mmCIF file of all heavy atoms, coordinates in Angstrom:
data_MODEL
# 
_entry.id   MODEL 
# 
loop_
_atom_site.group_PDB 
_atom_site.id 
_atom_site.type_symbol 
_atom_site.label_atom_id 
_atom_site.label_alt_id 
_atom_site.label_comp_id 
_atom_site.label_asym_id 
_atom_site.label_entity_id 
_atom_site.label_seq_id 
_atom_site.pdbx_PDB_ins_code 
_atom_site.Cartn_x 
_atom_site.Cartn_y 
_atom_site.Cartn_z 
_atom_site.occupancy 
_atom_site.B_iso_or_equiv 
_atom_site.pdbx_formal_charge 
_atom_site.auth_seq_id 
_atom_site.auth_comp_id 
_atom_site.auth_asym_id 
_atom_site.auth_atom_id 
_atom_site.pdbx_PDB_model_num 
ATOM 1   N N   . LEU A 1 1  ? -7.618  -0.294  3.800   1.00 0.00 ? 1  LEU A N   1 
ATOM 2   C CA  . LEU A 1 1  ? -7.440  0.988   3.087   1.00 0.00 ? 1  LEU A CA  1 
ATOM 3   C C   . LEU A 1 1  ? -7.423  0.690   1.585   1.00 0.00 ? 1  LEU A C   1 
ATOM 4   O O   . LEU A 1 1  ? -7.953  1.357   0.826   1.00 0.00 ? 1  LEU A O   1 
ATOM 5   C CB  . LEU A 1 1  ? -6.109  1.624   3.587   1.00 0.00 ? 1  LEU A CB  1 
ATOM 6   C CG  . LEU A 1 1  ? -5.832  2.992   2.944   1.00 0.00 ? 1  LEU A CG  1 
ATOM 7   C CD1 . LEU A 1 1  ? -6.911  3.965   3.436   1.00 0.00 ? 1  LEU A CD1 1 
ATOM 8   C CD2 . LEU A 1 1  ? -4.518  3.439   3.502   1.00 0.00 ? 1  LEU A CD2 1 
ATOM 9   N N   . MET A 1 2  ? -6.778  -0.549  1.163   1.00 0.00 ? 2  MET A N   1 
ATOM 10  C CA  . MET A 1 2  ? -6.713  -0.897  -0.214  1.00 0.00 ? 2  MET A CA  1 
ATOM 11  C C   . MET A 1 2  ? -8.171  -1.137  -0.720  1.00 0.00 ? 2  MET A C   1 
ATOM 12  O O   . MET A 1 2  ? -8.511  -0.671  -1.934  1.00 0.00 ? 2  MET A O   1 
ATOM 13  C CB  . MET A 1 2  ? -5.906  -2.118  -0.308  1.00 0.00 ? 2  MET A CB  1 
ATOM 14  C CG  . MET A 1 2  ? -4.441  -1.962  -0.085  1.00 0.00 ? 2  MET A CG  1 
ATOM 15  S SD  . MET A 1 2  ? -3.552  -1.190  -1.400  1.00 0.00 ? 2  MET A SD  1 
ATOM 16  C CE  . MET A 1 2  ? -3.808  0.481   -1.189  1.00 0.00 ? 2  MET A CE  1 
ATOM 17  N N   . SER A 1 3  ? -8.995  -1.698  0.023   1.00 0.00 ? 3  SER A N   1 
ATOM 18  C CA  . SER A 1 3  ? -10.403 -2.059  -0.369  1.00 0.00 ? 3  SER A CA  1 
ATOM 19  C C   . SER A 1 3  ? -11.129 -0.749  -0.549  1.00 0.00 ? 3  SER A C   1 
ATOM 20  O O   . SER A 1 3  ? -11.988 -0.594  -1.495  1.00 0.00 ? 3  SER A O   1 
ATOM 21  C CB  . SER A 1 3  ? -11.116 -3.069  0.588   1.00 0.00 ? 3  SER A CB  1 
ATOM 22  O OG  . SER A 1 3  ? -11.191 -2.341  1.901   1.00 0.00 ? 3  SER A OG  1 
ATOM 23  N N   . GLN A 1 4  ? -10.900 0.245   0.306   1.00 0.00 ? 4  GLN A N   1 
ATOM 24  C CA  . GLN A 1 4  ? -11.615 1.529   0.155   1.00 0.00 ? 4  GLN A CA  1 
ATOM 25  C C   . GLN A 1 4  ? -11.259 2.149   -1.088  1.00 0.00 ? 4  GLN A C   1 
ATOM 26  O O   . GLN A 1 4  ? -12.045 2.742   -1.808  1.00 0.00 ? 4  GLN A O   1 
ATOM 27  C CB  . GLN A 1 4  ? -11.282 2.419   1.359   1.00 0.00 ? 4  GLN A CB  1 
ATOM 28  C CG  . GLN A 1 4  ? -11.812 2.026   2.643   1.00 0.00 ? 4  GLN A CG  1 
ATOM 29  C CD  . GLN A 1 4  ? -11.390 2.911   3.858   1.00 0.00 ? 4  GLN A CD  1 
ATOM 30  O OE1 . GLN A 1 4  ? -11.174 4.061   3.625   1.00 0.00 ? 4  GLN A OE1 1 
ATOM 31  N NE2 . GLN A 1 4  ? -11.345 2.316   5.076   1.00 0.00 ? 4  GLN A NE2 1 
ATOM 32  N N   . LEU A 1 5  ? -9.851  2.171   -1.425  1.00 0.00 ? 5  LEU A N   1 
ATOM 33  C CA  . LEU A 1 5  ? -9.435  2.887   -2.608  1.00 0.00 ? 5  LEU A CA  1 
ATOM 34  C C   . LEU A 1 5  ? -9.867  2.042   -3.881  1.00 0.00 ? 5  LEU A C   1 
ATOM 35  O O   . LEU A 1 5  ? -10.277 2.712   -4.841  1.00 0.00 ? 5  LEU A O   1 
ATOM 36  C CB  . LEU A 1 5  ? -7.881  2.859   -2.631  1.00 0.00 ? 5  LEU A CB  1 
ATOM 37  C CG  . LEU A 1 5  ? -7.227  3.691   -1.640  1.00 0.00 ? 5  LEU A CG  1 
ATOM 38  C CD1 . LEU A 1 5  ? -5.598  3.590   -1.674  1.00 0.00 ? 5  LEU A CD1 1 
ATOM 39  C CD2 . LEU A 1 5  ? -7.421  5.277   -1.964  1.00 0.00 ? 5  LEU A CD2 1 
ATOM 40  N N   . SER A 1 6  ? -10.014 0.845   -3.784  1.00 0.00 ? 6  SER A N   1 
ATOM 41  C CA  . SER A 1 6  ? -10.531 0.056   -4.896  1.00 0.00 ? 6  SER A CA  1 
ATOM 42  C C   . SER A 1 6  ? -12.008 0.375   -5.223  1.00 0.00 ? 6  SER A C   1 
ATOM 43  O O   . SER A 1 6  ? -12.401 0.522   -6.311  1.00 0.00 ? 6  SER A O   1 
ATOM 44  C CB  . SER A 1 6  ? -10.278 -1.467  -4.652  1.00 0.00 ? 6  SER A CB  1 
ATOM 45  O OG  . SER A 1 6  ? -10.810 -2.231  -5.693  1.00 0.00 ? 6  SER A OG  1 
ATOM 46  N N   . SER A 1 7  ? -12.832 0.389   -4.077  1.00 0.00 ? 7  SER A N   1 
ATOM 47  C CA  . SER A 1 7  ? -14.190 0.642   -4.193  1.00 0.00 ? 7  SER A CA  1 
ATOM 48  C C   . SER A 1 7  ? -14.504 2.102   -4.741  1.00 0.00 ? 7  SER A C   1 
ATOM 49  O O   . SER A 1 7  ? -15.490 2.320   -5.375  1.00 0.00 ? 7  SER A O   1 
ATOM 50  C CB  . SER A 1 7  ? -14.936 0.461   -2.966  1.00 0.00 ? 7  SER A CB  1 
ATOM 51  O OG  . SER A 1 7  ? -14.435 1.314   -1.916  1.00 0.00 ? 7  SER A OG  1 
ATOM 52  N N   . ALA A 1 8  ? -13.515 2.966   -4.292  1.00 0.00 ? 8  ALA A N   1 
ATOM 53  C CA  . ALA A 1 8  ? -13.693 4.419   -4.758  1.00 0.00 ? 8  ALA A CA  1 
ATOM 54  C C   . ALA A 1 8  ? -13.541 4.516   -6.266  1.00 0.00 ? 8  ALA A C   1 
ATOM 55  O O   . ALA A 1 8  ? -14.190 5.307   -7.005  1.00 0.00 ? 8  ALA A O   1 
ATOM 56  C CB  . ALA A 1 8  ? -12.752 5.294   -3.986  1.00 0.00 ? 8  ALA A CB  1 
ATOM 57  N N   . GLY A 1 9  ? -12.623 3.683   -6.891  1.00 0.00 ? 9  GLY A N   1 
ATOM 58  C CA  . GLY A 1 9  ? -12.483 3.627   -8.313  1.00 0.00 ? 9  GLY A CA  1 
ATOM 59  C C   . GLY A 1 9  ? -11.688 4.805   -8.844  1.00 0.00 ? 9  GLY A C   1 
ATOM 60  O O   . GLY A 1 9  ? -11.755 5.930   -8.315  1.00 0.00 ? 9  GLY A O   1 
ATOM 61  N N   . GLY A 1 10 ? -11.038 4.596   -9.978  1.00 0.00 ? 10 GLY A N   1 
ATOM 62  C CA  . GLY A 1 10 ? -10.307 5.586   -10.683 1.00 0.00 ? 10 GLY A CA  1 
ATOM 63  C C   . GLY A 1 10 ? -9.163  6.285   -9.947  1.00 0.00 ? 10 GLY A C   1 
ATOM 64  O O   . GLY A 1 10 ? -8.921  6.098   -8.877  1.00 0.00 ? 10 GLY A O   1 
ATOM 65  N N   . GLY A 1 11 ? -8.323  7.022   -10.768 1.00 0.00 ? 11 GLY A N   1 
ATOM 66  C CA  . GLY A 1 11 ? -7.340  7.770   -10.102 1.00 0.00 ? 11 GLY A CA  1 
ATOM 67  C C   . GLY A 1 11 ? -5.987  6.937   -10.000 1.00 0.00 ? 11 GLY A C   1 
ATOM 68  O O   . GLY A 1 11 ? -5.905  5.776   -9.897  1.00 0.00 ? 11 GLY A O   1 
ATOM 69  N N   . PHE A 1 12 ? -4.845  7.721   -10.255 1.00 0.00 ? 12 PHE A N   1 
ATOM 70  C CA  . PHE A 1 12 ? -3.554  7.132   -10.212 1.00 0.00 ? 12 PHE A CA  1 
ATOM 71  C C   . PHE A 1 12 ? -3.228  6.832   -8.689  1.00 0.00 ? 12 PHE A C   1 
ATOM 72  O O   . PHE A 1 12 ? -3.473  7.648   -7.829  1.00 0.00 ? 12 PHE A O   1 
ATOM 73  C CB  . PHE A 1 12 ? -2.574  8.175   -10.772 1.00 0.00 ? 12 PHE A CB  1 
ATOM 74  C CG  . PHE A 1 12 ? -1.176  7.956   -10.492 1.00 0.00 ? 12 PHE A CG  1 
ATOM 75  C CD1 . PHE A 1 12 ? -0.347  7.224   -11.414 1.00 0.00 ? 12 PHE A CD1 1 
ATOM 76  C CD2 . PHE A 1 12 ? -0.520  8.383   -9.357  1.00 0.00 ? 12 PHE A CD2 1 
ATOM 77  C CE1 . PHE A 1 12 ? 0.918   6.920   -11.176 1.00 0.00 ? 12 PHE A CE1 1 
ATOM 78  C CE2 . PHE A 1 12 ? 0.853   8.226   -9.182  1.00 0.00 ? 12 PHE A CE2 1 
ATOM 79  C CZ  . PHE A 1 12 ? 1.602   7.455   -10.107 1.00 0.00 ? 12 PHE A CZ  1 
ATOM 80  N N   . VAL A 1 13 ? -2.654  5.600   -8.513  1.00 0.00 ? 13 VAL A N   1 
ATOM 81  C CA  . VAL A 1 13 ? -2.249  5.282   -7.242  1.00 0.00 ? 13 VAL A CA  1 
ATOM 82  C C   . VAL A 1 13 ? -0.859  4.791   -7.266  1.00 0.00 ? 13 VAL A C   1 
ATOM 83  O O   . VAL A 1 13 ? -0.516  3.884   -8.044  1.00 0.00 ? 13 VAL A O   1 
ATOM 84  C CB  . VAL A 1 13 ? -3.130  4.106   -6.562  1.00 0.00 ? 13 VAL A CB  1 
ATOM 85  C CG1 . VAL A 1 13 ? -2.612  3.740   -5.102  1.00 0.00 ? 13 VAL A CG1 1 
ATOM 86  C CG2 . VAL A 1 13 ? -4.616  4.496   -6.513  1.00 0.00 ? 13 VAL A CG2 1 
ATOM 87  N N   . ALA A 1 14 ? 0.057   5.389   -6.414  1.00 0.00 ? 14 ALA A N   1 
ATOM 88  C CA  . ALA A 1 14 ? 1.404   4.976   -6.280  1.00 0.00 ? 14 ALA A CA  1 
ATOM 89  C C   . ALA A 1 14 ? 1.760   4.737   -4.831  1.00 0.00 ? 14 ALA A C   1 
ATOM 90  O O   . ALA A 1 14 ? 0.943   5.143   -3.918  1.00 0.00 ? 14 ALA A O   1 
ATOM 91  C CB  . ALA A 1 14 ? 2.303   6.065   -6.809  1.00 0.00 ? 14 ALA A CB  1 
ATOM 92  N N   . ALA A 1 15 ? 2.732   4.098   -4.492  1.00 0.00 ? 15 ALA A N   1 
ATOM 93  C CA  . ALA A 1 15 ? 3.049   3.756   -3.163  1.00 0.00 ? 15 ALA A CA  1 
ATOM 94  C C   . ALA A 1 15 ? 4.570   3.959   -2.937  1.00 0.00 ? 15 ALA A C   1 
ATOM 95  O O   . ALA A 1 15 ? 5.395   3.777   -3.855  1.00 0.00 ? 15 ALA A O   1 
ATOM 96  C CB  . ALA A 1 15 ? 2.703   2.341   -2.759  1.00 0.00 ? 15 ALA A CB  1 
ATOM 97  N N   . VAL A 1 16 ? 4.938   4.400   -1.713  1.00 0.00 ? 16 VAL A N   1 
ATOM 98  C CA  . VAL A 1 16 ? 6.312   4.559   -1.294  1.00 0.00 ? 16 VAL A CA  1 
ATOM 99  C C   . VAL A 1 16 ? 6.519   3.836   0.077   1.00 0.00 ? 16 VAL A C   1 
ATOM 100 O O   . VAL A 1 16 ? 5.662   4.010   0.932   1.00 0.00 ? 16 VAL A O   1 
ATOM 101 C CB  . VAL A 1 16 ? 6.833   6.009   -1.240  1.00 0.00 ? 16 VAL A CB  1 
ATOM 102 C CG1 . VAL A 1 16 ? 6.039   6.820   -0.304  1.00 0.00 ? 16 VAL A CG1 1 
ATOM 103 C CG2 . VAL A 1 16 ? 8.207   6.086   -0.841  1.00 0.00 ? 16 VAL A CG2 1 
ATOM 104 N N   . VAL A 1 17 ? 7.532   3.091   0.258   1.00 0.00 ? 17 VAL A N   1 
ATOM 105 C CA  . VAL A 1 17 ? 7.792   2.418   1.404   1.00 0.00 ? 17 VAL A CA  1 
ATOM 106 C C   . VAL A 1 17 ? 9.089   2.615   1.903   1.00 0.00 ? 17 VAL A C   1 
ATOM 107 O O   . VAL A 1 17 ? 10.204  2.639   1.157   1.00 0.00 ? 17 VAL A O   1 
ATOM 108 C CB  . VAL A 1 17 ? 7.506   0.781   1.377   1.00 0.00 ? 17 VAL A CB  1 
ATOM 109 C CG1 . VAL A 1 17 ? 6.061   0.447   1.036   1.00 0.00 ? 17 VAL A CG1 1 
ATOM 110 C CG2 . VAL A 1 17 ? 8.451   0.205   0.383   1.00 0.00 ? 17 VAL A CG2 1 
ATOM 111 N N   . ASN A 1 18 ? 9.312   3.060   3.219   1.00 0.00 ? 18 ASN A N   1 
ATOM 112 C CA  . ASN A 1 18 ? 10.651  3.343   3.798   1.00 0.00 ? 18 ASN A CA  1 
ATOM 113 C C   . ASN A 1 18 ? 10.674  2.660   5.121   1.00 0.00 ? 18 ASN A C   1 
ATOM 114 O O   . ASN A 1 18 ? 10.695  3.281   6.156   1.00 0.00 ? 18 ASN A O   1 
ATOM 115 C CB  . ASN A 1 18 ? 10.762  4.774   3.882   1.00 0.00 ? 18 ASN A CB  1 
ATOM 116 C CG  . ASN A 1 18 ? 12.225  5.285   4.359   1.00 0.00 ? 18 ASN A CG  1 
ATOM 117 O OD1 . ASN A 1 18 ? 13.127  4.448   4.399   1.00 0.00 ? 18 ASN A OD1 1 
ATOM 118 N ND2 . ASN A 1 18 ? 12.337  6.421   4.815   1.00 0.00 ? 18 ASN A ND2 1 
ATOM 119 N N   . PRO A 1 19 ? 10.839  1.291   5.152   1.00 0.00 ? 19 PRO A N   1 
ATOM 120 C CA  . PRO A 1 19 ? 10.748  0.587   6.346   1.00 0.00 ? 19 PRO A CA  1 
ATOM 121 C C   . PRO A 1 19 ? 12.070  0.575   7.138   1.00 0.00 ? 19 PRO A C   1 
ATOM 122 O O   . PRO A 1 19 ? 13.116  1.049   6.552   1.00 0.00 ? 19 PRO A O   1 
ATOM 123 C CB  . PRO A 1 19 ? 10.463  -0.880  5.872   1.00 0.00 ? 19 PRO A CB  1 
ATOM 124 C CG  . PRO A 1 19 ? 11.040  -0.988  4.559   1.00 0.00 ? 19 PRO A CG  1 
ATOM 125 C CD  . PRO A 1 19 ? 10.931  0.437   3.987   1.00 0.00 ? 19 PRO A CD  1 
ATOM 126 N N   . ALA A 1 20 ? 12.105  0.030   8.314   1.00 0.00 ? 20 ALA A N   1 
ATOM 127 C CA  . ALA A 1 20 ? 13.357  -0.042  9.094   1.00 0.00 ? 20 ALA A CA  1 
ATOM 128 C C   . ALA A 1 20 ? 14.036  -1.340  8.523   1.00 0.00 ? 20 ALA A C   1 
ATOM 129 O O   . ALA A 1 20 ? 13.724  -1.922  7.484   1.00 0.00 ? 20 ALA A O   1 
ATOM 130 C CB  . ALA A 1 20 ? 12.968  -0.308  10.532  1.00 0.00 ? 20 ALA A CB  1 
ATOM 131 N N   . ARG A 1 21 ? 15.264  -1.656  9.087   1.00 0.00 ? 21 ARG A N   1 
ATOM 132 C CA  . ARG A 1 21 ? 16.174  -2.711  8.427   1.00 0.00 ? 21 ARG A CA  1 
ATOM 133 C C   . ARG A 1 21 ? 15.373  -4.097  8.471   1.00 0.00 ? 21 ARG A C   1 
ATOM 134 O O   . ARG A 1 21 ? 15.679  -4.987  7.602   1.00 0.00 ? 21 ARG A O   1 
ATOM 135 C CB  . ARG A 1 21 ? 17.411  -2.857  9.372   1.00 0.00 ? 21 ARG A CB  1 
ATOM 136 C CG  . ARG A 1 21 ? 18.334  -1.751  9.136   1.00 0.00 ? 21 ARG A CG  1 
ATOM 137 C CD  . ARG A 1 21 ? 19.554  -1.797  10.026  1.00 0.00 ? 21 ARG A CD  1 
ATOM 138 N NE  . ARG A 1 21 ? 20.559  -0.807  9.744   1.00 0.00 ? 21 ARG A NE  1 
ATOM 139 C CZ  . ARG A 1 21 ? 21.776  -1.058  9.197   1.00 0.00 ? 21 ARG A CZ  1 
ATOM 140 N NH1 . ARG A 1 21 ? 22.067  -2.318  8.885   1.00 0.00 ? 21 ARG A NH1 1 
ATOM 141 N NH2 . ARG A 1 21 ? 22.503  -0.068  8.928   1.00 0.00 ? 21 ARG A NH2 1 
ATOM 142 N N   . ALA A 1 22 ? 14.339  -4.246  9.289   1.00 0.00 ? 22 ALA A N   1 
ATOM 143 C CA  . ALA A 1 22 ? 13.589  -5.478  9.322   1.00 0.00 ? 22 ALA A CA  1 
ATOM 144 C C   . ALA A 1 22 ? 12.702  -5.608  8.107   1.00 0.00 ? 22 ALA A C   1 
ATOM 145 O O   . ALA A 1 22 ? 12.224  -6.757  8.002   1.00 0.00 ? 22 ALA A O   1 
ATOM 146 C CB  . ALA A 1 22 ? 12.706  -5.630  10.542  1.00 0.00 ? 22 ALA A CB  1 
ATOM 147 N N   . GLY A 1 23 ? 12.627  -4.694  7.317   1.00 0.00 ? 23 GLY A N   1 
ATOM 148 C CA  . GLY A 1 23 ? 11.769  -4.762  6.062   1.00 0.00 ? 23 GLY A CA  1 
ATOM 149 C C   . GLY A 1 23 ? 10.290  -4.699  6.368   1.00 0.00 ? 23 GLY A C   1 
ATOM 150 O O   . GLY A 1 23 ? 9.907   -4.421  7.502   1.00 0.00 ? 23 GLY A O   1 
ATOM 151 N N   . LEU A 1 24 ? 9.521   -5.054  5.383   1.00 0.00 ? 24 LEU A N   1 
ATOM 152 C CA  . LEU A 1 24 ? 7.967   -4.907  5.448   1.00 0.00 ? 24 LEU A CA  1 
ATOM 153 C C   . LEU A 1 24 ? 7.472   -6.220  5.985   1.00 0.00 ? 24 LEU A C   1 
ATOM 154 O O   . LEU A 1 24 ? 7.967   -7.312  5.580   1.00 0.00 ? 24 LEU A O   1 
ATOM 155 C CB  . LEU A 1 24 ? 7.396   -4.576  4.148   1.00 0.00 ? 24 LEU A CB  1 
ATOM 156 C CG  . LEU A 1 24 ? 7.681   -3.164  3.587   1.00 0.00 ? 24 LEU A CG  1 
ATOM 157 C CD1 . LEU A 1 24 ? 7.092   -3.135  2.155   1.00 0.00 ? 24 LEU A CD1 1 
ATOM 158 C CD2 . LEU A 1 24 ? 7.075   -2.109  4.413   1.00 0.00 ? 24 LEU A CD2 1 
ATOM 159 N N   . HIS A 1 25 ? 6.409   -6.223  6.730   1.00 0.00 ? 25 HIS A N   1 
ATOM 160 C CA  . HIS A 1 25 ? 5.669   -7.345  7.164   1.00 0.00 ? 25 HIS A CA  1 
ATOM 161 C C   . HIS A 1 25 ? 5.144   -8.076  5.877   1.00 0.00 ? 25 HIS A C   1 
ATOM 162 O O   . HIS A 1 25 ? 4.736   -7.357  4.882   1.00 0.00 ? 25 HIS A O   1 
ATOM 163 C CB  . HIS A 1 25 ? 4.606   -7.056  8.042   1.00 0.00 ? 25 HIS A CB  1 
ATOM 164 C CG  . HIS A 1 25 ? 3.966   -8.319  8.757   1.00 0.00 ? 25 HIS A CG  1 
ATOM 165 N ND1 . HIS A 1 25 ? 3.080   -9.018  8.124   1.00 0.00 ? 25 HIS A ND1 1 
ATOM 166 C CD2 . HIS A 1 25 ? 4.113   -8.731  10.096  1.00 0.00 ? 25 HIS A CD2 1 
ATOM 167 C CE1 . HIS A 1 25 ? 2.539   -9.982  8.895   1.00 0.00 ? 25 HIS A CE1 1 
ATOM 168 N NE2 . HIS A 1 25 ? 3.243   -9.823  10.143  1.00 0.00 ? 25 HIS A NE2 1 
ATOM 169 N N   . HIS A 1 26 ? 5.102   -9.474  5.842   1.00 0.00 ? 26 HIS A N   1 
ATOM 170 C CA  . HIS A 1 26 ? 4.653   -10.093 4.500   1.00 0.00 ? 26 HIS A CA  1 
ATOM 171 C C   . HIS A 1 26 ? 3.163   -9.747  4.169   1.00 0.00 ? 26 HIS A C   1 
ATOM 172 O O   . HIS A 1 26 ? 2.859   -9.762  3.081   1.00 0.00 ? 26 HIS A O   1 
ATOM 173 C CB  . HIS A 1 26 ? 4.884   -11.627 4.702   1.00 0.00 ? 26 HIS A CB  1 
ATOM 174 C CG  . HIS A 1 26 ? 3.895   -12.217 5.681   1.00 0.00 ? 26 HIS A CG  1 
ATOM 175 N ND1 . HIS A 1 26 ? 2.657   -12.688 5.422   1.00 0.00 ? 26 HIS A ND1 1 
ATOM 176 C CD2 . HIS A 1 26 ? 4.043   -12.476 6.986   1.00 0.00 ? 26 HIS A CD2 1 
ATOM 177 C CE1 . HIS A 1 26 ? 2.132   -13.258 6.432   1.00 0.00 ? 26 HIS A CE1 1 
ATOM 178 N NE2 . HIS A 1 26 ? 2.916   -13.065 7.496   1.00 0.00 ? 26 HIS A NE2 1 
ATOM 179 N N   . LYS A 1 27 ? 2.443   -9.352  5.233   1.00 0.00 ? 27 LYS A N   1 
ATOM 180 C CA  . LYS A 1 27 ? 1.031   -8.950  4.866   1.00 0.00 ? 27 LYS A CA  1 
ATOM 181 C C   . LYS A 1 27 ? 0.951   -7.542  4.199   1.00 0.00 ? 27 LYS A C   1 
ATOM 182 O O   . LYS A 1 27 ? 0.044   -7.327  3.414   1.00 0.00 ? 27 LYS A O   1 
ATOM 183 C CB  . LYS A 1 27 ? 0.177   -8.948  6.216   1.00 0.00 ? 27 LYS A CB  1 
ATOM 184 C CG  . LYS A 1 27 ? -0.138  -10.351 6.838   1.00 0.00 ? 27 LYS A CG  1 
ATOM 185 C CD  . LYS A 1 27 ? -0.971  -10.223 8.049   1.00 0.00 ? 27 LYS A CD  1 
ATOM 186 C CE  . LYS A 1 27 ? -1.241  -11.598 8.569   1.00 0.00 ? 27 LYS A CE  1 
ATOM 187 N NZ  . LYS A 1 27 ? -2.199  -11.449 9.788   1.00 0.00 ? 27 LYS A NZ  1 
ATOM 188 N N   . VAL A 1 28 ? 1.904   -6.775  4.504   1.00 0.00 ? 28 VAL A N   1 
ATOM 189 C CA  . VAL A 1 28 ? 1.984   -5.464  3.847   1.00 0.00 ? 28 VAL A CA  1 
ATOM 190 C C   . VAL A 1 28 ? 2.327   -5.621  2.408   1.00 0.00 ? 28 VAL A C   1 
ATOM 191 O O   . VAL A 1 28 ? 1.830   -5.025  1.389   1.00 0.00 ? 28 VAL A O   1 
ATOM 192 C CB  . VAL A 1 28 ? 3.077   -4.539  4.528   1.00 0.00 ? 28 VAL A CB  1 
ATOM 193 C CG1 . VAL A 1 28 ? 3.158   -3.122  3.754   1.00 0.00 ? 28 VAL A CG1 1 
ATOM 194 C CG2 . VAL A 1 28 ? 2.678   -4.320  5.935   1.00 0.00 ? 28 VAL A CG2 1 
ATOM 195 N N   . VAL A 1 29 ? 3.418   -6.529  2.163   1.00 0.00 ? 29 VAL A N   1 
ATOM 196 C CA  . VAL A 1 29 ? 3.807   -6.847  0.806   1.00 0.00 ? 29 VAL A CA  1 
ATOM 197 C C   . VAL A 1 29 ? 2.598   -7.464  0.011   1.00 0.00 ? 29 VAL A C   1 
ATOM 198 O O   . VAL A 1 29 ? 2.393   -7.056  -1.141  1.00 0.00 ? 29 VAL A O   1 
ATOM 199 C CB  . VAL A 1 29 ? 4.938   -7.791  0.769   1.00 0.00 ? 29 VAL A CB  1 
ATOM 200 C CG1 . VAL A 1 29 ? 5.371   -8.235  -0.610  1.00 0.00 ? 29 VAL A CG1 1 
ATOM 201 C CG2 . VAL A 1 29 ? 6.214   -7.165  1.500   1.00 0.00 ? 29 VAL A CG2 1 
# 
C-alpha cells in the first residue's frame, strides 16, 4: 500500500495506529 501511495505522488499522508497491547509488528513499524 505504501508503494502505491508513493507512486501516486503528492498529497498529505498521515497515519494513526491503535494496536492491541502487543503493539505493532516490526514490519509495520
